[in-house]
């Protein structure tokens, strides 16, 4: 379902009830490709996660490699230090943890 349609429906429904609705939207099209591993480690440490969990994620996020394929062209494999591949099992958890500081700031400011 299109998020824009859902948000429009919620806002229009609130208008009918004479309610005022505010929305905040993020464009996260390329979000997962640019997660910074060092920042994620700092966020986990600041959140008070156990050292063993920090160590696990540190190991999970290092040694990543990628190769580009285009038609019949194959690039050499090279190391990458950012991004989490689409479909990774921990992607939803890591992205939620990565966004948690900004959500915390928003909550405190509102």
C-alpha atoms as a PDB file:
ATOM      1  CA  UNK A   1       0.000   0.000   0.000  1.00  0.00           C
ATOM      2  CA  UNK A   2       1.278   3.477  -0.866  1.00  0.00           C
ATOM      3  CA  UNK A   3       2.288   5.429   2.245  1.00  0.00           C
ATOM      4  CA  UNK A   4       1.156   8.699   0.661  1.00  0.00           C
ATOM      5  CA  UNK A   5      -2.358   7.358   0.204  1.00  0.00           C
ATOM      6  CA  UNK A   6      -2.483   6.141   3.809  1.00  0.00           C
ATOM      7  CA  UNK A   7      -1.241   9.486   5.179  1.00  0.00           C
ATOM      8  CA  UNK A   8      -3.721  11.396   3.031  1.00  0.00           C
ATOM      9  CA  UNK A   9      -6.549   9.196   4.287  1.00  0.00           C
ATOM     10  CA  UNK A  10      -5.543   9.720   7.934  1.00  0.00           C
ATOM     11  CA  UNK A  11      -5.304  13.501   7.499  1.00  0.00           C
ATOM     12  CA  UNK A  12      -8.654  13.765   5.679  1.00  0.00           C
ATOM     13  CA  UNK A  13     -10.346  11.566   8.286  1.00  0.00           C
ATOM     14  CA  UNK A  14      -8.996  13.842  11.034  1.00  0.00           C
ATOM     15  CA  UNK A  15     -10.218  16.937   9.170  1.00  0.00           C
ATOM     16  CA  UNK A  16     -13.732  15.492   9.159  1.00  0.00           C
ATOM     17  CA  UNK A  17     -13.424  15.109  12.941  1.00  0.00           C
ATOM     18  CA  UNK A  18     -12.149  18.734  13.173  1.00  0.00           C
ATOM     19  CA  UNK A  19      -8.755  17.524  14.362  1.00  0.00           C
ATOM     20  CA  UNK A  20      -5.400  19.011  13.442  1.00  0.00           C
ATOM     21  CA  UNK A  21      -2.885  16.463  12.183  1.00  0.00           C
ATOM     22  CA  UNK A  22       0.848  16.935  11.704  1.00  0.00           C
ATOM     23  CA  UNK A  23       3.076  14.584   9.775  1.00  0.00           C
ATOM     24  CA  UNK A  24       6.792  14.111   9.399  1.00  0.00           C
ATOM     25  CA  UNK A  25       8.063  12.049   6.476  1.00  0.00           C
ATOM     26  CA  UNK A  26      11.550  10.846   5.571  1.00  0.00           C
ATOM     27  CA  UNK A  27      12.754   9.764   2.155  1.00  0.00           C
ATOM     28  CA  UNK A  28      14.748   6.635   2.960  1.00  0.00           C
ATOM     29  CA  UNK A  29      15.194   5.376  -0.598  1.00  0.00           C
ATOM     30  CA  UNK A  30      18.952   4.888  -0.236  1.00  0.00           C
ATOM     31  CA  UNK A  31      19.056   4.856   3.556  1.00  0.00           C
ATOM     32  CA  UNK A  32      20.284   1.298   4.072  1.00  0.00           C
ATOM     33  CA  UNK A  33      23.117   1.647   1.586  1.00  0.00           C
ATOM     34  CA  UNK A  34      24.703   4.429   3.609  1.00  0.00           C
ATOM     35  CA  UNK A  35      24.516   3.320   7.240  1.00  0.00           C
ATOM     36  CA  UNK A  36      27.805   4.265   8.864  1.00  0.00           C
ATOM     37  CA  UNK A  37      29.155   1.325  10.881  1.00  0.00           C
ATOM     38  CA  UNK A  38      31.185   3.465  13.268  1.00  0.00           C
ATOM     39  CA  UNK A  39      28.194   5.652  14.072  1.00  0.00           C
ATOM     40  CA  UNK A  40      26.046   2.574  14.615  1.00  0.00           C
ATOM     41  CA  UNK A  41      28.620   1.204  17.062  1.00  0.00           C
ATOM     42  CA  UNK A  42      28.614   4.508  18.950  1.00  0.00           C
ATOM     43  CA  UNK A  43      24.812   4.516  19.090  1.00  0.00           C
ATOM     44  CA  UNK A  44      24.768   0.978  20.498  1.00  0.00           C
ATOM     45  CA  UNK A  45      27.400   1.871  23.102  1.00  0.00           C
ATOM     46  CA  UNK A  46      25.552   5.068  24.106  1.00  0.00           C
ATOM     47  CA  UNK A  47      22.323   3.073  24.427  1.00  0.00           C
ATOM     48  CA  UNK A  48      24.058   0.887  27.016  1.00  0.00           C
ATOM     49  CA  UNK A  49      24.221  -2.399  25.133  1.00  0.00           C
ATOM     50  CA  UNK A  50      26.393  -5.098  26.640  1.00  0.00           C
ATOM     51  CA  UNK A  51      29.977  -5.365  25.361  1.00  0.00           C
ATOM     52  CA  UNK A  52      29.225  -8.811  23.885  1.00  0.00           C
ATOM     53  CA  UNK A  53      26.473  -7.320  21.721  1.00  0.00           C
ATOM     54  CA  UNK A  54      28.751  -4.466  20.649  1.00  0.00           C
ATOM     55  CA  UNK A  55      31.415  -7.011  19.783  1.00  0.00           C
ATOM     56  CA  UNK A  56      28.923  -9.135  17.804  1.00  0.00           C
ATOM     57  CA  UNK A  57      27.746  -6.183  15.713  1.00  0.00           C
ATOM     58  CA  UNK A  58      31.330  -5.024  15.260  1.00  0.00           C
ATOM     59  CA  UNK A  59      32.204  -8.441  13.813  1.00  0.00           C
ATOM     60  CA  UNK A  60      28.992  -8.587  11.772  1.00  0.00           C
ATOM     61  CA  UNK A  61      29.702  -5.251  10.131  1.00  0.00           C
ATOM     62  CA  UNK A  62      33.383  -5.711   9.237  1.00  0.00           C
ATOM     63  CA  UNK A  63      34.896  -7.479   6.289  1.00  0.00           C
ATOM     64  CA  UNK A  64      32.035  -6.684   3.917  1.00  0.00           C
ATOM     65  CA  UNK A  65      32.895  -6.874   0.232  1.00  0.00           C
ATOM     66  CA  UNK A  66      31.023  -6.080  -2.933  1.00  0.00           C
ATOM     67  CA  UNK A  67      31.367  -6.632  -6.660  1.00  0.00           C
ATOM     68  CA  UNK A  68      29.593  -4.772  -9.415  1.00  0.00           C
ATOM     69  CA  UNK A  69      28.014  -6.652 -12.305  1.00  0.00           C
ATOM     70  CA  UNK A  70      26.898  -4.895 -15.470  1.00  0.00           C
ATOM     71  CA  UNK A  71      25.863  -7.053 -18.443  1.00  0.00           C
ATOM     72  CA  UNK A  72      29.022  -9.114 -18.999  1.00  0.00           C
ATOM     73  CA  UNK A  73      31.308  -6.868 -16.920  1.00  0.00           C
ATOM     74  CA  UNK A  74      32.408  -8.041 -13.474  1.00  0.00           C
ATOM     75  CA  UNK A  75      34.426  -5.658 -11.296  1.00  0.00           C
ATOM     76  CA  UNK A  76      37.065  -6.785  -8.873  1.00  0.00           C
ATOM     77  CA  UNK A  77      35.825  -7.416  -5.342  1.00  0.00           C
ATOM     78  CA  UNK A  78      36.497  -4.535  -2.959  1.00  0.00           C
ATOM     79  CA  UNK A  79      35.915  -3.764   0.709  1.00  0.00           C
ATOM     80  CA  UNK A  80      33.055  -1.546   1.774  1.00  0.00           C
ATOM     81  CA  UNK A  81      32.737   0.223   5.099  1.00  0.00           C
ATOM     82  CA  UNK A  82      29.150   1.453   4.855  1.00  0.00           C
ATOM     83  CA  UNK A  83      25.747   0.060   4.059  1.00  0.00           C
ATOM     84  CA  UNK A  84      23.816  -3.048   4.877  1.00  0.00           C
ATOM     85  CA  UNK A  85      22.761  -5.249   2.023  1.00  0.00           C
ATOM     86  CA  UNK A  86      19.072  -5.398   1.172  1.00  0.00           C
ATOM     87  CA  UNK A  87      17.473  -8.459   2.712  1.00  0.00           C
ATOM     88  CA  UNK A  88      20.020  -8.854   5.517  1.00  0.00           C
ATOM     89  CA  UNK A  89      18.416 -10.549   8.516  1.00  0.00           C
ATOM     90  CA  UNK A  90      19.450  -7.806  10.932  1.00  0.00           C
ATOM     91  CA  UNK A  91      18.528  -4.897   8.649  1.00  0.00           C
ATOM     92  CA  UNK A  92      15.246  -3.946  10.403  1.00  0.00           C
ATOM     93  CA  UNK A  93      16.848  -4.069  13.847  1.00  0.00           C
ATOM     94  CA  UNK A  94      19.961  -2.139  12.847  1.00  0.00           C
ATOM     95  CA  UNK A  95      18.016   0.536  11.002  1.00  0.00           C
ATOM     96  CA  UNK A  96      15.668   1.037  13.985  1.00  0.00           C
ATOM     97  CA  UNK A  97      18.648   1.375  16.326  1.00  0.00           C
ATOM     98  CA  UNK A  98      20.342   3.738  13.873  1.00  0.00           C
ATOM     99  CA  UNK A  99      17.277   6.007  13.817  1.00  0.00           C
ATOM    100  CA  UNK A 100      16.696   5.900  17.577  1.00  0.00           C
ATOM    101  CA  UNK A 101      18.785   9.021  18.460  1.00  0.00           C
ATOM    102  CA  UNK A 102      16.888  11.257  16.045  1.00  0.00           C
ATOM    103  CA  UNK A 103      13.564   9.911  17.297  1.00  0.00           C
ATOM    104  CA  UNK A 104      14.725  10.570  20.870  1.00  0.00           C
ATOM    105  CA  UNK A 105      15.615  14.164  19.949  1.00  0.00           C
ATOM    106  CA  UNK A 106      12.244  14.665  18.269  1.00  0.00           C
ATOM    107  CA  UNK A 107      10.431  13.313  21.308  1.00  0.00           C
ATOM    108  CA  UNK A 108      12.304  15.657  23.674  1.00  0.00           C
ATOM    109  CA  UNK A 109      11.725  18.718  21.451  1.00  0.00           C
ATOM    110  CA  UNK A 110       8.006  18.077  20.970  1.00  0.00           C
END
